[in-house]
Protein backbone atom coordinates (compact mmCIF):
# COMPACT_ATOMS: atom_id res chain seq x y z
CA UNK A 1 -145.52 -8.26 -74.53
CA UNK A 2 -143.85 -8.97 -71.20
CA UNK A 3 -147.21 -9.83 -69.62
CA UNK A 4 -147.84 -12.38 -72.38
CA UNK A 5 -144.49 -14.07 -71.69
CA UNK A 6 -145.22 -14.22 -67.96
CA UNK A 7 -148.74 -15.51 -68.65
CA UNK A 8 -147.33 -18.25 -70.94
CA UNK A 9 -144.78 -19.31 -68.30
CA UNK A 10 -147.53 -19.51 -65.68
CA UNK A 11 -149.73 -21.56 -68.02
CA UNK A 12 -146.88 -23.96 -68.85
CA UNK A 13 -145.95 -24.20 -65.17
CA UNK A 14 -149.53 -25.10 -64.27
CA UNK A 15 -149.67 -27.80 -66.96
CA UNK A 16 -146.34 -29.21 -65.76
CA UNK A 17 -147.53 -29.27 -62.15
CA UNK A 18 -150.83 -30.92 -63.12
CA UNK A 19 -148.93 -33.55 -65.07
CA UNK A 20 -146.69 -34.43 -62.11
CA UNK A 21 -149.63 -34.49 -59.68
CA UNK A 22 -151.53 -36.81 -62.03
CA UNK A 23 -148.58 -39.22 -62.08
CA UNK A 24 -148.75 -39.39 -58.30
CA UNK A 25 -152.54 -39.79 -58.17
CA UNK A 26 -153.31 -41.96 -61.22
CA UNK A 27 -150.79 -44.72 -61.77
CA UNK A 28 -151.53 -48.43 -61.97
CA UNK A 29 -150.45 -51.49 -63.97
CA UNK A 30 -152.69 -52.63 -66.80
CA UNK A 31 -151.24 -56.12 -67.28
CA UNK A 32 -150.36 -58.23 -64.22
CA UNK A 33 -147.67 -60.01 -66.25
CA UNK A 34 -145.88 -56.68 -66.80
CA UNK A 35 -146.60 -54.77 -63.59
CA UNK A 36 -143.75 -52.36 -64.31
CA UNK A 37 -145.77 -50.96 -67.25
CA UNK A 38 -148.05 -48.54 -65.46
CA UNK A 39 -150.78 -46.38 -66.92
CA UNK A 40 -150.50 -42.72 -65.97
CA UNK A 41 -152.15 -39.52 -67.16
CA UNK A 42 -149.00 -37.37 -67.40
CA UNK A 43 -149.41 -36.97 -71.15
CA UNK A 44 -152.90 -35.42 -70.92
CA UNK A 45 -151.69 -31.97 -69.75
CA UNK A 46 -148.82 -32.21 -72.24
CA UNK A 47 -151.24 -32.81 -75.12
CA UNK A 48 -153.57 -30.06 -73.90
CA UNK A 49 -150.60 -27.66 -73.78
CA UNK A 50 -149.56 -28.81 -77.25
CA UNK A 51 -153.02 -28.04 -78.63
CA UNK A 52 -153.13 -24.67 -76.87
CA UNK A 53 -149.64 -23.40 -77.68
CA UNK A 54 -148.26 -25.50 -80.54
CA UNK A 55 -145.94 -28.43 -81.14
CA UNK A 56 -142.69 -26.88 -79.90
CA UNK A 57 -144.24 -25.84 -76.61
CA UNK A 58 -145.57 -29.39 -76.32
CA UNK A 59 -142.04 -30.69 -76.78
CA UNK A 60 -140.79 -28.32 -74.08
CA UNK A 61 -143.57 -29.51 -71.75
CA UNK A 62 -142.59 -33.10 -72.50
CA UNK A 63 -138.96 -32.42 -71.67
CA UNK A 64 -139.82 -30.68 -68.40
CA UNK A 65 -142.33 -33.31 -67.30
CA UNK A 66 -140.00 -36.19 -68.26
CA UNK A 67 -137.16 -34.62 -66.27
CA UNK A 68 -139.33 -34.00 -63.21
CA UNK A 69 -140.80 -37.50 -63.39
CA UNK A 70 -137.29 -38.94 -63.41
CA UNK A 71 -136.12 -36.80 -60.50
CA UNK A 72 -139.26 -36.78 -58.32
CA UNK A 73 -141.54 -39.68 -59.19
CA UNK A 74 -139.58 -42.63 -60.52
CA UNK A 75 -135.85 -42.19 -59.98
CA UNK A 76 -135.40 -45.96 -60.34
CA UNK A 77 -136.16 -45.70 -64.05
CA UNK A 78 -133.19 -43.35 -64.35
CA UNK A 79 -132.15 -41.60 -67.50
CA UNK A 80 -133.54 -44.48 -69.56
CA UNK A 81 -137.10 -43.76 -68.40
CA UNK A 82 -136.55 -40.06 -69.01
CA UNK A 83 -135.26 -40.64 -72.53
CA UNK A 84 -137.96 -43.15 -73.47
CA UNK A 85 -140.75 -40.88 -72.22
CA UNK A 86 -139.24 -37.84 -73.90
CA UNK A 87 -138.79 -39.61 -77.25
CA UNK A 88 -142.21 -41.29 -77.39
CA UNK A 89 -144.33 -38.51 -75.91
CA UNK A 90 -142.24 -35.79 -77.54
CA UNK A 91 -142.66 -37.24 -81.01
CA UNK A 92 -146.39 -37.72 -80.49
CA UNK A 93 -146.73 -34.15 -79.14
CA UNK A 94 -144.96 -32.79 -82.22
CA UNK A 95 -147.25 -34.76 -84.54
CA UNK A 96 -150.47 -33.92 -82.68
CA UNK A 97 -149.50 -30.27 -82.37
CA UNK A 98 -148.51 -29.92 -86.00
CA UNK A 99 -151.74 -31.51 -87.27
CA UNK A 100 -153.95 -29.50 -84.92
CA UNK A 101 -152.06 -26.28 -85.69
CA UNK A 102 -152.88 -26.78 -89.39
CA UNK A 103 -156.53 -27.68 -88.77
CA UNK A 104 -157.96 -26.26 -85.52
CA UNK A 105 -161.23 -28.18 -85.68
CA UNK A 106 -162.67 -31.23 -83.97
CA UNK A 107 -161.53 -33.29 -86.97
CA UNK A 108 -158.04 -31.82 -86.68
CA UNK A 109 -157.93 -32.68 -82.98
CA UNK A 110 -159.12 -36.24 -83.58
CA UNK A 111 -156.70 -36.74 -86.49
CA UNK A 112 -153.85 -35.30 -84.45
CA UNK A 113 -154.60 -37.55 -81.48
CA UNK A 114 -155.03 -40.69 -83.60
CA UNK A 115 -151.91 -40.21 -85.70
CA UNK A 116 -149.85 -39.18 -82.68
CA UNK A 117 -151.04 -42.31 -80.87
CA UNK A 118 -149.74 -44.46 -83.72
CA UNK A 119 -146.42 -42.58 -83.65
CA UNK A 120 -146.16 -43.09 -79.88
CA UNK A 121 -146.82 -46.83 -80.13
CA UNK A 122 -144.37 -47.25 -83.01
CA UNK A 123 -141.68 -45.30 -81.12
CA UNK A 124 -142.01 -47.53 -78.06
CA UNK A 125 -141.19 -50.70 -79.99
CA UNK A 126 -137.57 -49.84 -80.90
CA UNK A 127 -137.08 -47.91 -77.65
CA UNK A 128 -137.99 -51.01 -75.66
CA UNK A 129 -135.93 -53.27 -77.88
CA UNK A 130 -132.87 -51.06 -77.43
CA UNK A 131 -133.10 -49.79 -73.87
CA UNK A 132 -134.77 -52.71 -72.12
CA UNK A 133 -132.17 -55.11 -73.48
CA UNK A 134 -129.02 -52.99 -73.25
CA UNK A 135 -129.65 -50.91 -70.14
CA UNK A 136 -132.24 -52.79 -68.08
CA UNK A 137 -130.62 -56.18 -68.62
CA UNK A 138 -133.66 -58.05 -69.92
CA UNK A 139 -132.89 -61.06 -72.12
CA UNK A 140 -133.07 -60.13 -75.81
CA UNK A 141 -135.34 -63.08 -76.69
CA UNK A 142 -137.87 -62.06 -74.06
CA UNK A 143 -137.96 -58.43 -75.20
CA UNK A 144 -138.23 -59.40 -78.89
CA UNK A 145 -141.34 -61.44 -78.04
CA UNK A 146 -142.96 -58.54 -76.11
CA UNK A 147 -144.18 -56.10 -78.81
CA UNK A 148 -147.29 -58.00 -79.96
CA UNK A 149 -148.24 -59.30 -76.52
CA UNK A 150 -147.28 -56.49 -74.13
CA UNK A 151 -145.68 -53.34 -75.59
CA UNK A 152 -148.20 -52.62 -78.36
CA UNK A 153 -151.37 -53.46 -76.36
CA UNK A 154 -150.18 -51.51 -73.30
CA UNK A 155 -149.25 -48.43 -75.30
CA UNK A 156 -152.46 -48.57 -77.35
CA UNK A 157 -154.49 -48.58 -74.14
CA UNK A 158 -152.38 -45.81 -72.57
CA UNK A 159 -152.40 -43.44 -75.55
CA UNK A 160 -156.03 -44.26 -76.29
CA UNK A 161 -157.14 -43.28 -72.80
CA UNK A 162 -154.89 -40.22 -72.72
CA UNK A 163 -156.14 -39.12 -76.13
CA UNK A 164 -159.75 -39.55 -75.02
CA UNK A 165 -159.17 -37.56 -71.81
CA UNK A 166 -157.34 -34.85 -73.78
CA UNK A 167 -160.21 -34.59 -76.23
CA UNK A 168 -162.81 -34.40 -73.45
CA UNK A 169 -160.92 -31.91 -71.26
CA UNK A 170 -159.20 -29.65 -73.81
CA UNK A 171 -161.85 -26.91 -74.06
CA UNK A 172 -162.50 -26.70 -70.32
CA UNK A 173 -158.84 -26.67 -69.33
CA UNK A 174 -158.07 -24.28 -72.18
CA UNK A 175 -160.63 -21.77 -70.87
CA UNK A 176 -159.21 -22.04 -67.35
CA UNK A 177 -155.64 -21.59 -68.57
CA UNK A 178 -156.60 -18.60 -70.68
CA UNK A 179 -158.17 -17.24 -67.48
CA UNK A 180 -161.53 -16.89 -69.23
CA UNK A 181 -164.72 -16.61 -67.23
CA UNK A 182 -166.93 -19.64 -67.49
CA UNK A 183 -170.68 -19.76 -67.11
CA UNK A 184 -171.87 -21.34 -63.88
CA UNK A 185 -173.99 -24.44 -64.30
CA UNK A 186 -177.71 -23.72 -64.14
CA UNK A 187 -179.72 -25.89 -61.83
CA UNK A 188 -183.34 -26.73 -62.57
């Protein structure tokens, strides 16, 4: 029992570390008009961990990664960035994890990723309307005009790519994290 707890902590620690490293290595703006909205792959290890261990572990991963991103990667975004990432990614991790936990198939994974992507995008609309106006000082009229032109397209691209990468990498990363032996590639 104790070995399982230690193994789980190591696995979660590895996913957290991978998430933070990915934020450093893969981060770029998608829209020149909103250069502050940067694509990153931090949510891929979170979603993989959610599929492996369940929705509540995914929420814990989200909290840890959001906190470390705030403290180590983008301190300028402050507690607002932490809270927005935690709320949007946390809610999508809960949804994806719950759906996949009920139906551990390819269809369950796809449904979990698609529905969680919608949840993520929908969460970012009010979060931006509240926090960008009240705490980042952006004019209310400008932020109200942003959802259809910037917020929704950006988040659709971000969660779409992260969902695709999660789907493609889940089995391989899962085997590595379970410390399973993998077959070497055969060369012809």
